[in-house]
Amino acid sequence: MATSSTLDLSLALVMGRSTGAEWLTILPVAIGLGCGAVLMMLRHSTRVHPFIAIPGLFVMLVVDALLLAHVANQGPVTMMMGRWLPPFGIAFTVDMTGALLAFVATLVAFAGSIYALGDINQSGRRYGFYPFLMVLMAGVSGAFLTGDIFNLYVWFEVLLISSFGLLILGSEREQIDGALKYAVLNLIGTTLFLISVGYLYAVFGTLNMADIATKAGELRETAPLMTLGALFVFAFGMKAAAFPVNFWLPASYHTPRIVVSALFAGLLTKVGVYALLRVMVMLLPVEREALSLVIAIAAALTMVLGAMGALAQSDIRRFLGFVVVSGIGYMLAGAAIAGTAGLSAAIFYALHSIVLMTALYLLAGEAARRGGSYRLDSLSGLWAAAPAFAGLSLALFFAGSGLPPFSGFWPKAMLVKASLDIGAWWLAGSILIAGFLTTIAFGRLFLLAYWRPAPVATVAVGEGTPAADAGVSSAPIVLVPRAPASAMLPILVLSALVVWFGLFPEPLIDLSQRAAIGLADPAAYLKSVFPTGGQP
């Protein structure tokens, strides 16, 4: 009988010690799940929840920053669970795209957790806001960092389940209605994703992304990869809220607490776009090329119809929901164009959109606090009431419209140039038309909510300034309390990033281009998983 000393474990297991960088790949998920579990155990002590969740997100942010720095300097890094050699076992593989998105996602979640100090009351904490937030971030981080396509599905499920809890926080009738629409369409998308993964496993016999990318060329002539590609595009398009399966988003994102809407708008659809880029660009590039016209048409319709939908809204939250939808179209346009130019524009836009949309929703919450309503027919006079706040709003509106010198201008300019370079003038025209319509929509919002004088009887003046001093009316003085620091600090920080991205875009353009090169040519990614250059 053979003894364990005669077994060559190196044929099946990683025998070397894991490095610190490898541990960094799984720490964001571990922190999210660990903090979520602790918060659940302290469910009867909700007063301490922020003091655990906020430091936990800060630590996660530091870990993501270290991981991004390592990937930027050393290239992709892989951690194999259970020491199994790839493609066996579960892999966490992080390249520039995943590291960038994970870092920016955690940054806005950290900002949202601070804003929630004033937005989520004791009842919301009892319903589990902070535990759900930590589990949500575990799912988002896992999706960006995993190197296994089945576990990409698993992390989708984790973030989806936690998002259900956040969506119905408070159990109001409007929230239940929005959650039903959100749940049904997302469960359909998740089911299609699972079917696609099962089909893919039947074809490839593996779930490791690097292994699939290696084998795709060999199986292309005999396997139905085009069918697989079409299924993935449809499933991820539904997750990302792309036309024609985008109607669930504006029907649900206006119903929860504003900080929840902000986090959803900043994070969830970007996970769908990331999955589309990872699978279709890195794993199935030939099929992406064949479907590029379909993706481009969906992108054009998504961005234009989203902008038109925003024009028709009378509620700021629904307005921003359609702006989110329109933004998905720009990212899909980059996926359709592909190449370094298209992909770098899509990644830049995704990073910009994560920060901007979170900031815009938080801004909407503060505007409603100052003006007493989210509805444009009831909201007015904010410029006279709070000129500094109105100026900040105008800067974010310019960024959302894609106007210089703010962050939204650069990825749109990159997309227009990339479209013209490949002769897709109609796609470039769609980008410009959508941008023009979005500018009109934001202009309408500013004119109605900020520039239009407030009715004399309902003047509400912020910044502690009396109405008479503001030159609005000599009616009885009505004061709006100053915004708490927990509300304005996240908005100011995110707004500063939007301005910084616009004034100094070169670092982010460089990182986006490096990420795009890694997606289009995954040689470094594959080498990270298979250091010897082949499967065991």
Protein backbone atom coordinates (compact mmCIF):
# COMPACT_ATOMS: atom_id res chain seq x y z
CA MET A 1 0.00 0.00 0.00
CA ALA A 2 1.31 3.44 -0.93
CA THR A 3 1.90 5.89 1.88
CA SER A 4 1.25 9.59 1.83
CA SER A 5 4.98 10.21 1.52
CA THR A 6 4.98 8.61 -1.94
CA LEU A 7 2.21 10.79 -3.30
CA ASP A 8 3.22 13.68 -5.52
CA LEU A 9 0.83 16.34 -4.25
CA SER A 10 2.36 18.93 -6.55
CA LEU A 11 0.36 17.41 -9.41
CA ALA A 12 -2.89 18.52 -7.78
CA LEU A 13 -2.11 21.18 -5.20
CA VAL A 14 -0.28 24.47 -4.99
CA MET A 15 2.64 23.63 -2.77
CA GLY A 16 4.07 27.12 -2.23
CA ARG A 17 2.94 29.51 0.49
CA SER A 18 0.37 32.11 -0.44
CA THR A 19 1.77 35.61 -0.77
CA GLY A 20 0.32 38.73 0.81
CA ALA A 21 -0.91 39.92 -2.57
CA GLU A 22 -2.85 36.69 -3.05
CA TRP A 23 -4.59 37.19 0.28
CA LEU A 24 -5.57 40.69 -0.80
CA THR A 25 -7.73 39.20 -3.56
CA ILE A 26 -10.14 37.58 -1.10
CA LEU A 27 -10.01 39.99 1.83
CA PRO A 28 -12.69 42.38 0.45
CA VAL A 29 -15.18 39.53 0.29
CA ALA A 30 -14.14 38.18 3.69
CA ILE A 31 -14.47 41.62 5.28
CA GLY A 32 -17.93 42.13 3.79
CA LEU A 33 -19.26 38.75 4.87
CA GLY A 34 -17.54 38.88 8.25
CA CYS A 35 -18.88 42.33 9.14
CA GLY A 36 -22.31 41.35 7.86
CA ALA A 37 -22.31 38.28 10.12
CA VAL A 38 -21.21 40.31 13.16
CA LEU A 39 -23.91 42.89 12.52
CA MET A 40 -26.53 40.17 12.29
CA MET A 41 -25.41 38.80 15.65
CA LEU A 42 -25.80 42.33 17.04
CA ARG A 43 -29.24 42.79 15.51
CA HIS A 44 -30.64 43.87 18.89
CA SER A 45 -27.94 46.52 19.28
CA THR A 46 -28.49 48.54 16.12
CA ARG A 47 -26.96 51.69 17.62
CA VAL A 48 -23.51 50.15 17.20
CA HIS A 49 -24.06 49.07 13.58
CA PRO A 50 -22.54 52.20 11.98
CA PHE A 51 -19.49 51.92 14.24
CA ILE A 52 -18.80 48.47 12.80
CA ALA A 53 -19.90 48.90 9.17
CA ILE A 54 -18.19 52.23 8.46
CA PRO A 55 -14.74 51.13 9.77
CA GLY A 56 -15.26 47.80 7.99
CA LEU A 57 -15.83 49.58 4.68
CA PHE A 58 -12.81 51.80 5.32
CA VAL A 59 -10.61 48.73 5.86
CA MET A 60 -12.08 47.20 2.70
CA LEU A 61 -11.23 50.41 0.84
CA VAL A 62 -7.62 50.26 2.05
CA VAL A 63 -7.35 46.62 0.98
CA ASP A 64 -8.76 47.46 -2.46
CA ALA A 65 -6.28 50.32 -2.77
CA LEU A 66 -3.36 47.99 -1.93
CA LEU A 67 -4.68 45.42 -4.40
CA LEU A 68 -5.00 48.04 -7.14
CA ALA A 69 -1.46 49.26 -6.48
CA HIS A 70 -0.11 45.70 -6.66
CA VAL A 71 -1.93 44.91 -9.90
CA ALA A 72 -0.81 48.22 -11.42
CA ASN A 73 2.83 47.48 -10.58
CA GLN A 74 3.04 43.69 -10.83
CA GLY A 75 0.19 42.61 -13.08
CA PRO A 76 -2.76 40.26 -12.43
CA VAL A 77 -2.72 38.11 -9.30
CA THR A 78 -4.47 34.78 -8.64
CA MET A 79 -5.50 33.03 -5.42
CA MET A 80 -6.65 29.40 -5.58
CA MET A 81 -9.06 28.24 -2.90
CA GLY A 82 -8.15 25.03 -1.12
CA ARG A 83 -4.67 25.06 -2.75
CA TRP A 84 -6.05 23.24 -5.80
CA LEU A 85 -4.13 23.79 -9.00
CA PRO A 86 -6.12 25.58 -11.72
CA PRO A 87 -8.46 24.88 -13.41
CA PHE A 88 -9.65 22.76 -10.46
CA GLY A 89 -11.11 24.53 -7.48
CA ILE A 90 -12.22 28.14 -7.21
CA ALA A 91 -9.98 30.94 -8.42
CA PHE A 92 -9.91 34.61 -7.53
CA THR A 93 -8.04 36.38 -10.33
CA VAL A 94 -7.70 40.16 -10.30
CA ASP A 95 -6.56 42.25 -13.25
CA MET A 96 -6.63 46.01 -13.74
CA THR A 97 -10.32 46.10 -14.73
CA GLY A 98 -11.50 44.20 -11.67
CA ALA A 99 -9.19 46.06 -9.28
CA LEU A 100 -10.25 49.50 -10.56
CA LEU A 101 -13.96 48.75 -10.34
CA ALA A 102 -13.66 47.11 -6.91
CA PHE A 103 -11.79 50.11 -5.51
CA VAL A 104 -14.20 52.74 -6.85
CA ALA A 105 -17.23 50.64 -5.83
CA THR A 106 -15.97 50.41 -2.24
CA LEU A 107 -15.22 54.14 -2.24
CA VAL A 108 -18.83 55.07 -3.05
CA ALA A 109 -20.16 52.45 -0.61
CA PHE A 110 -18.02 54.03 2.12
CA ALA A 111 -19.42 57.46 1.19
CA GLY A 112 -22.95 56.03 1.23
CA SER A 113 -22.45 54.48 4.67
CA ILE A 114 -21.58 57.92 6.05
CA TYR A 115 -24.56 59.57 4.34
CA ALA A 116 -26.77 56.85 5.85
CA LEU A 117 -26.03 58.18 9.34
CA GLY A 118 -28.60 60.87 8.63
CA ASP A 119 -30.78 59.09 6.08
CA ILE A 120 -31.39 55.75 7.79
CA ASN A 121 -33.31 56.08 11.03
CA GLN A 122 -33.51 53.60 13.89
CA SER A 123 -36.30 51.70 12.14
CA GLY A 124 -34.16 51.31 9.01
CA ARG A 125 -31.31 49.97 11.11
CA ARG A 126 -33.63 47.44 12.72
CA TYR A 127 -34.64 46.31 9.25
CA GLY A 128 -30.93 45.60 8.63
CA PHE A 129 -29.54 48.39 6.48
CA TYR A 130 -25.92 47.99 7.52
CA PRO A 131 -25.82 44.15 7.45
CA PHE A 132 -27.41 44.18 4.00
CA LEU A 133 -24.93 46.84 2.87
CA MET A 134 -21.93 44.75 3.95
CA VAL A 135 -23.30 41.63 2.24
CA LEU A 136 -24.05 43.69 -0.87
CA MET A 137 -20.43 44.84 -0.98
CA ALA A 138 -19.23 41.28 -0.49
CA GLY A 139 -21.25 40.31 -3.57
CA VAL A 140 -20.08 43.29 -5.64
CA SER A 141 -16.43 42.71 -4.67
CA GLY A 142 -16.69 39.00 -5.35
CA ALA A 143 -18.13 39.65 -8.82
CA PHE A 144 -15.27 42.00 -9.73
CA LEU A 145 -12.53 39.77 -8.28
CA THR A 146 -13.54 36.21 -9.12
CA GLY A 147 -11.83 34.18 -11.82
CA ASP A 148 -14.53 31.49 -11.95
CA ILE A 149 -17.63 32.04 -14.06
CA PHE A 150 -19.94 29.98 -11.84
CA ASN A 151 -18.84 32.00 -8.85
CA LEU A 152 -19.55 35.13 -10.86
CA TYR A 153 -23.13 33.84 -10.87
CA VAL A 154 -22.91 33.11 -7.13
CA TRP A 155 -21.79 36.67 -6.34
CA PHE A 156 -24.60 37.99 -8.52
CA GLU A 157 -26.97 36.03 -6.30
CA VAL A 158 -25.38 37.37 -3.13
CA LEU A 159 -25.71 41.00 -4.20
CA LEU A 160 -29.21 40.36 -5.56
CA ILE A 161 -30.47 38.88 -2.27
CA SER A 162 -29.00 41.71 -0.21
CA SER A 163 -30.41 44.28 -2.65
CA PHE A 164 -33.90 42.84 -2.08
CA GLY A 165 -33.53 43.56 1.63
CA LEU A 166 -32.31 47.10 0.99
CA LEU A 167 -35.05 47.80 -1.53
CA ILE A 168 -37.93 47.07 0.89
CA LEU A 169 -36.32 48.79 3.88
CA GLY A 170 -39.37 50.13 5.73
CA SER A 171 -41.94 47.92 3.96
CA GLU A 172 -43.86 50.83 2.46
CA ARG A 173 -46.39 50.05 -0.25
CA GLU A 174 -44.39 51.86 -2.94
CA GLN A 175 -41.28 49.91 -1.97
CA ILE A 176 -43.04 46.56 -2.18
CA ASP A 177 -44.36 47.46 -5.63
CA GLY A 178 -40.90 48.50 -6.84
CA ALA A 179 -39.29 45.43 -5.29
CA LEU A 180 -41.71 43.12 -7.12
CA LYS A 181 -40.77 44.56 -10.51
CA TYR A 182 -37.10 44.57 -9.59
CA ALA A 183 -37.17 40.99 -8.32
CA VAL A 184 -39.09 39.41 -11.20
CA LEU A 185 -36.92 40.86 -13.98
CA ASN A 186 -33.66 40.28 -12.14
CA LEU A 187 -34.58 36.70 -11.31
CA ILE A 188 -35.32 36.10 -14.98
CA GLY A 189 -31.92 37.54 -15.86
CA THR A 190 -30.23 35.44 -13.19
CA THR A 191 -31.96 32.31 -14.44
CA LEU A 192 -30.76 32.99 -17.99
CA PHE A 193 -27.26 33.52 -16.62
CA LEU A 194 -27.38 30.19 -14.78
CA ILE A 195 -28.64 28.39 -17.90
CA SER A 196 -25.80 29.95 -19.89
CA VAL A 197 -23.24 28.85 -17.31
CA GLY A 198 -24.58 25.29 -17.34
CA TYR A 199 -24.48 25.26 -21.14
CA LEU A 200 -20.93 26.61 -21.06
CA TYR A 201 -19.81 23.92 -18.62
CA ALA A 202 -21.32 21.23 -20.82
CA VAL A 203 -19.28 22.56 -23.75
CA PHE A 204 -15.96 23.33 -22.06
CA GLY A 205 -15.92 21.02 -19.04
CA THR A 206 -14.49 23.83 -16.93
CA LEU A 207 -15.63 26.99 -15.15
CA ASN A 208 -12.27 28.69 -14.78
CA MET A 209 -12.28 31.84 -16.93
CA ALA A 210 -8.64 31.53 -17.95
CA ASP A 211 -9.17 27.90 -18.93
CA ILE A 212 -12.26 28.83 -20.98
CA ALA A 213 -10.35 31.59 -22.76
CA THR A 214 -7.60 29.11 -23.61
CA LYS A 215 -9.95 26.43 -24.93
CA ALA A 216 -12.39 28.66 -26.84
CA GLY A 217 -10.24 28.75 -29.99
CA GLU A 218 -10.01 24.95 -30.12
CA LEU A 219 -13.77 24.40 -29.70
CA ARG A 220 -15.06 27.20 -31.90
CA GLU A 221 -15.51 25.03 -34.99
CA THR A 222 -17.50 22.31 -33.19
CA ALA A 223 -19.25 23.99 -30.24
CA PRO A 224 -22.29 26.33 -30.40
CA LEU A 225 -20.38 29.29 -29.01
CA MET A 226 -22.51 31.82 -30.88
CA THR A 227 -25.58 30.58 -29.04
CA LEU A 228 -23.69 30.85 -25.79
CA GLY A 229 -22.60 34.38 -26.62
CA ALA A 230 -26.15 35.48 -27.46
CA LEU A 231 -27.44 34.04 -24.17
CA PHE A 232 -24.79 35.85 -22.17
CA VAL A 233 -25.42 39.14 -23.97
CA PHE A 234 -29.14 38.94 -23.24
CA ALA A 235 -28.66 37.90 -19.59
CA PHE A 236 -26.09 40.58 -18.85
CA GLY A 237 -28.07 43.15 -20.83
CA MET A 238 -31.02 42.51 -18.55
CA LYS A 239 -28.77 42.82 -15.49
CA ALA A 240 -27.33 46.08 -16.81
CA ALA A 241 -30.78 47.49 -17.74
CA ALA A 242 -30.06 47.76 -21.46
CA PHE A 243 -32.79 48.18 -24.10
CA PRO A 244 -35.18 46.40 -24.53
CA VAL A 245 -35.03 44.91 -21.01
CA ASN A 246 -34.43 48.14 -19.11
CA PHE A 247 -37.93 48.95 -17.87
CA TRP A 248 -37.42 47.38 -14.44
CA LEU A 249 -34.87 49.99 -13.34
CA PRO A 250 -36.88 53.26 -13.56
CA ALA A 251 -39.84 51.37 -12.10
CA SER A 252 -37.95 50.45 -8.92
CA TYR A 253 -34.96 52.71 -8.21
CA HIS A 254 -37.14 55.61 -7.03
CA THR A 255 -38.84 53.61 -4.27
CA PRO A 256 -36.23 52.92 -1.54
CA ARG A 257 -34.40 55.34 0.75
CA ILE A 258 -32.30 57.76 -1.28
CA VAL A 259 -28.99 56.34 -0.05
CA VAL A 260 -30.10 52.89 -1.22
CA SER A 261 -31.06 54.30 -4.62
CA ALA A 262 -27.65 55.99 -4.79
CA LEU A 263 -25.78 52.76 -4.11
CA PHE A 264 -27.91 50.80 -6.56
CA ALA A 265 -27.41 53.41 -9.30
CA GLY A 266 -23.68 53.52 -8.70
CA LEU A 267 -22.99 49.81 -8.36
CA LEU A 268 -25.49 47.24 -9.55
CA THR A 269 -25.80 47.94 -13.27
CA LYS A 270 -22.00 48.28 -13.50
CA VAL A 271 -21.63 44.69 -12.35
CA GLY A 272 -23.75 43.64 -15.33
CA VAL A 273 -21.60 45.71 -17.71
CA TYR A 274 -18.41 44.29 -16.18
CA ALA A 275 -19.68 40.73 -16.62
CA LEU A 276 -20.51 41.47 -20.26
CA LEU A 277 -17.01 42.84 -20.88
CA ARG A 278 -15.30 39.99 -19.06
CA VAL A 279 -17.20 37.18 -20.77
CA MET A 280 -17.69 38.57 -24.26
CA VAL A 281 -14.37 40.39 -24.70
CA MET A 282 -11.98 38.06 -22.87
CA LEU A 283 -13.66 34.66 -23.20
CA LEU A 284 -15.69 34.90 -26.42
CA PRO A 285 -14.07 37.65 -28.53
CA VAL A 286 -15.03 36.17 -31.91
CA GLU A 287 -18.66 35.88 -30.86
CA ARG A 288 -18.58 39.44 -29.53
CA GLU A 289 -17.34 40.62 -32.92
CA ALA A 290 -20.19 38.78 -34.65
CA LEU A 291 -22.73 40.31 -32.23
CA SER A 292 -21.15 43.76 -32.24
CA LEU A 293 -23.82 45.30 -34.49
CA VAL A 294 -26.60 43.98 -32.23
CA ILE A 295 -24.81 45.33 -29.15
CA ALA A 296 -24.23 48.69 -30.88
CA ILE A 297 -27.90 49.03 -31.85
CA ALA A 298 -28.97 48.17 -28.29
CA ALA A 299 -26.44 50.71 -27.01
CA ALA A 300 -27.76 53.49 -29.26
CA LEU A 301 -31.39 52.81 -28.32
CA THR A 302 -30.51 52.55 -24.63
CA MET A 303 -28.72 55.89 -24.48
CA VAL A 304 -31.22 57.83 -26.63
CA LEU A 305 -34.42 56.40 -25.15
CA GLY A 306 -33.00 56.74 -21.64
CA ALA A 307 -32.37 60.43 -22.26
CA MET A 308 -35.86 60.87 -23.72
CA GLY A 309 -37.33 59.13 -20.70
CA ALA A 310 -35.48 61.54 -18.39
CA LEU A 311 -37.00 64.48 -20.26
CA ALA A 312 -40.51 63.25 -19.48
CA GLN A 313 -40.12 62.84 -15.71
CA SER A 314 -41.56 65.04 -12.97
CA ASP A 315 -39.86 63.23 -10.08
CA ILE A 316 -36.10 63.71 -9.58
CA ARG A 317 -35.58 60.08 -8.56
CA ARG A 318 -37.33 58.73 -11.64
CA PHE A 319 -35.43 61.28 -13.73
CA LEU A 320 -32.13 59.94 -12.40
CA GLY A 321 -33.26 56.37 -13.03
CA PHE A 322 -33.52 57.12 -16.74
CA VAL A 323 -30.14 58.87 -16.63
CA VAL A 324 -28.69 55.61 -15.25
CA VAL A 325 -30.29 53.71 -18.13
CA SER A 326 -28.91 56.15 -20.69
CA GLY A 327 -25.43 55.79 -19.21
CA ILE A 328 -25.53 52.04 -19.73
CA GLY A 329 -25.80 52.70 -23.45
CA TYR A 330 -22.44 54.48 -23.53
CA MET A 331 -20.72 51.54 -21.86
CA LEU A 332 -22.36 49.11 -24.26
CA ALA A 333 -21.18 51.26 -27.16
CA GLY A 334 -17.61 50.78 -25.92
CA ALA A 335 -18.18 47.03 -25.71
CA ALA A 336 -19.50 47.02 -29.29
CA ILE A 337 -16.55 49.00 -30.64
CA ALA A 338 -14.03 47.01 -28.56
CA GLY A 339 -10.31 47.42 -29.16
CA THR A 340 -8.29 49.53 -26.78
CA ALA A 341 -10.16 52.70 -27.77
CA GLY A 342 -13.67 51.39 -27.21
CA LEU A 343 -12.94 49.36 -24.10
CA SER A 344 -10.95 52.10 -22.38
CA ALA A 345 -13.83 54.53 -23.00
CA ALA A 346 -16.31 52.03 -21.56
CA ILE A 347 -14.17 51.45 -18.45
CA PHE A 348 -13.59 55.20 -17.98
CA TYR A 349 -17.32 55.83 -18.31
CA ALA A 350 -18.11 53.05 -15.81
CA LEU A 351 -15.75 54.55 -13.22
CA HIS A 352 -17.16 58.03 -13.85
CA SER A 353 -20.74 56.77 -13.65
CA ILE A 354 -20.19 54.92 -10.36
CA VAL A 355 -19.06 58.13 -8.69
CA LEU A 356 -21.39 60.55 -10.48
CA MET A 357 -24.65 58.63 -10.15
CA THR A 358 -24.05 58.01 -6.45
CA ALA A 359 -23.37 61.72 -5.98
CA LEU A 360 -26.45 62.75 -7.99
CA TYR A 361 -28.82 60.59 -5.95
CA LEU A 362 -27.35 61.85 -2.68
CA LEU A 363 -27.67 65.38 -4.05
CA ALA A 364 -31.32 64.69 -4.88
CA GLY A 365 -31.89 63.64 -1.29
CA GLU A 366 -30.41 66.90 -0.03
CA ALA A 367 -32.44 68.92 -2.58
CA ALA A 368 -35.63 67.23 -1.36
CA ARG A 369 -34.68 67.94 2.25
CA ARG A 370 -34.19 71.62 1.46
CA GLY A 371 -37.21 71.95 -0.86
CA GLY A 372 -39.60 69.54 0.81
CA SER A 373 -40.30 67.33 -2.22
CA TYR A 374 -38.79 65.23 -4.98
CA ARG A 375 -41.41 66.41 -7.44
CA LEU A 376 -40.52 69.16 -9.90
CA ASP A 377 -44.00 70.66 -9.69
CA SER A 378 -43.46 71.27 -5.97
CA LEU A 379 -39.73 71.98 -5.88
CA SER A 380 -38.41 75.46 -6.69
CA GLY A 381 -36.31 78.34 -5.48
CA LEU A 382 -33.21 76.36 -4.50
CA TRP A 383 -30.85 78.83 -6.18
CA ALA A 384 -32.09 81.73 -4.06
CA ALA A 385 -32.32 79.56 -0.96
CA ALA A 386 -28.88 77.97 -1.16
CA PRO A 387 -26.62 79.36 -3.91
CA ALA A 388 -23.57 77.32 -2.88
CA PHE A 389 -25.57 74.11 -2.99
CA ALA A 390 -27.07 75.11 -6.33
CA GLY A 391 -23.60 75.76 -7.76
CA LEU A 392 -22.49 72.31 -6.64
CA SER A 393 -25.60 70.83 -8.25
CA LEU A 394 -24.89 72.64 -11.51
CA ALA A 395 -21.38 71.16 -11.64
CA LEU A 396 -22.76 67.64 -11.26
CA PHE A 397 -25.46 68.35 -13.86
CA PHE A 398 -22.74 69.45 -16.29
CA ALA A 399 -20.85 66.22 -15.59
CA GLY A 400 -24.00 64.15 -16.17
CA SER A 401 -24.56 65.96 -19.46
CA GLY A 402 -21.01 65.24 -20.61
CA LEU A 403 -19.97 68.87 -20.77
CA PRO A 404 -16.40 70.06 -20.15
CA PRO A 405 -14.50 70.46 -17.90
CA PHE A 406 -16.11 67.64 -15.91
CA SER A 407 -15.59 63.88 -15.95
CA GLY A 408 -18.46 62.95 -18.26
CA PHE A 409 -16.92 64.78 -21.21
CA TRP A 410 -13.85 62.59 -21.70
CA PRO A 411 -15.34 59.10 -22.10
CA LYS A 412 -18.00 60.45 -24.46
CA ALA A 413 -15.33 62.17 -26.55
CA MET A 414 -13.34 58.94 -26.57
CA LEU A 415 -16.42 56.99 -27.69
CA VAL A 416 -17.23 59.43 -30.49
CA LYS A 417 -13.67 59.25 -31.80
CA ALA A 418 -13.59 55.44 -31.55
CA SER A 419 -16.93 55.22 -33.39
CA LEU A 420 -15.73 57.46 -36.22
CA ASP A 421 -12.45 55.54 -36.46
CA ILE A 422 -14.33 52.35 -37.34
CA GLY A 423 -16.79 54.14 -39.63
CA ALA A 424 -19.78 53.83 -37.27
CA TRP A 425 -20.95 57.42 -37.84
CA TRP A 426 -24.49 56.54 -36.80
CA LEU A 427 -23.24 55.35 -33.40
CA ALA A 428 -21.22 58.55 -32.96
CA GLY A 429 -24.36 60.50 -33.91
CA SER A 430 -26.40 58.57 -31.34
CA ILE A 431 -23.85 59.44 -28.65
CA LEU A 432 -24.06 63.12 -29.54
CA ILE A 433 -27.87 63.11 -29.75
CA ALA A 434 -28.17 61.34 -26.40
CA GLY A 435 -25.75 63.83 -24.85
CA PHE A 436 -27.74 66.75 -26.26
CA LEU A 437 -31.03 65.36 -24.92
CA THR A 438 -29.43 64.69 -21.52
CA THR A 439 -28.17 68.27 -21.42
CA ILE A 440 -31.70 69.55 -22.09
CA ALA A 441 -33.08 67.22 -19.40
CA PHE A 442 -30.61 68.43 -16.78
CA GLY A 443 -31.23 72.02 -17.87
CA ARG A 444 -34.96 71.54 -17.39
CA LEU A 445 -34.34 70.09 -13.93
CA PHE A 446 -32.16 73.04 -12.95
CA LEU A 447 -34.60 75.64 -14.29
CA LEU A 448 -37.60 74.14 -12.49
CA ALA A 449 -36.07 73.08 -9.18
CA TYR A 450 -33.36 75.72 -8.76
CA TRP A 451 -33.91 78.80 -10.94
CA ARG A 452 -37.71 79.09 -10.80
CA PRO A 453 -38.73 81.40 -7.92
CA ALA A 454 -40.35 79.67 -4.99
CA PRO A 455 -43.97 80.56 -4.15
CA VAL A 456 -44.09 83.27 -1.52
CA ALA A 457 -46.02 81.16 0.95
CA THR A 458 -43.66 78.22 0.77
CA VAL A 459 -40.22 79.83 0.56
CA ALA A 460 -37.64 77.66 2.32
CA VAL A 461 -34.21 79.16 2.57
CA GLY A 462 -31.14 77.07 3.38
CA GLU A 463 -27.74 77.88 4.76
CA GLY A 464 -29.48 79.63 7.70
CA THR A 465 -30.39 82.69 5.55
CA PRO A 466 -33.73 84.50 6.11
CA ALA A 467 -36.06 84.71 3.13
CA ALA A 468 -36.16 88.50 3.25
CA ASP A 469 -32.37 88.72 3.13
CA ALA A 470 -32.33 86.47 0.08
CA GLY A 471 -34.48 88.97 -1.82
CA VAL A 472 -37.27 86.47 -2.35
CA SER A 473 -40.03 87.89 -0.22
CA SER A 474 -40.74 89.77 2.97
CA ALA A 475 -43.07 86.99 4.09
CA PRO A 476 -42.51 85.36 7.48
CA ILE A 477 -38.99 83.96 7.69
CA VAL A 478 -38.74 80.22 7.10
CA LEU A 479 -35.42 78.52 7.79
CA VAL A 480 -34.16 75.16 6.63
CA PRO A 481 -31.69 73.65 9.10
CA ARG A 482 -28.16 73.31 7.88
CA ALA A 483 -27.39 69.97 6.32
CA PRO A 484 -25.64 67.61 8.72
CA ALA A 485 -21.98 66.89 7.98
CA SER A 486 -22.86 63.24 7.37
CA ALA A 487 -24.98 64.37 4.39
CA MET A 488 -22.80 67.03 2.80
CA LEU A 489 -19.35 65.47 3.32
CA PRO A 490 -19.97 62.44 1.02
CA ILE A 491 -21.54 64.70 -1.62
CA LEU A 492 -18.60 67.09 -1.50
CA VAL A 493 -16.00 64.32 -1.70
CA LEU A 494 -17.72 62.58 -4.63
CA SER A 495 -18.23 65.91 -6.39
CA ALA A 496 -14.55 66.73 -5.94
CA LEU A 497 -13.69 63.42 -7.64
CA VAL A 498 -15.99 64.27 -10.55
CA VAL A 499 -14.25 67.62 -10.97
CA TRP A 500 -10.80 66.05 -10.57
CA PHE A 501 -11.55 63.36 -13.17
CA GLY A 502 -12.55 66.15 -15.55
CA LEU A 503 -9.67 68.56 -14.98
CA PHE A 504 -6.95 65.92 -14.75
CA PRO A 505 -8.17 62.94 -16.80
CA GLU A 506 -4.75 61.61 -17.84
CA PRO A 507 -4.21 59.21 -14.89
CA LEU A 508 -7.65 57.68 -15.23
CA ILE A 509 -7.35 57.46 -19.02
CA ASP A 510 -4.02 55.67 -18.58
CA LEU A 511 -5.45 53.20 -16.07
CA SER A 512 -8.50 52.62 -18.28
CA GLN A 513 -6.29 51.95 -21.30
CA ARG A 514 -4.19 49.49 -19.33
CA ALA A 515 -7.35 47.75 -18.18
CA ALA A 516 -8.65 47.65 -21.76
CA ILE A 517 -5.40 46.12 -23.03
CA GLY A 518 -5.66 43.45 -20.34
CA LEU A 519 -9.18 42.55 -21.46
CA ALA A 520 -8.44 42.52 -25.18
CA ASP A 521 -5.16 40.62 -24.77
CA PRO A 522 -5.47 38.47 -21.63
CA ALA A 523 -1.97 36.96 -21.86
CA ALA A 524 -0.97 38.36 -18.46
CA TYR A 525 -4.28 37.18 -16.95
CA LEU A 526 -3.73 33.67 -18.31
CA LYS A 527 -0.13 33.61 -17.09
CA SER A 528 -1.30 34.57 -13.61
CA VAL A 529 -3.58 31.52 -13.52
CA PHE A 530 -1.25 29.14 -15.40
CA PRO A 531 2.30 30.30 -14.56
CA THR A 532 3.86 27.43 -16.52
CA GLY A 533 1.91 28.34 -19.64
CA GLY A 534 -0.45 25.37 -19.76
CA GLN A 535 -3.02 23.36 -17.86
CA PRO A 536 -1.90 20.63 -15.50
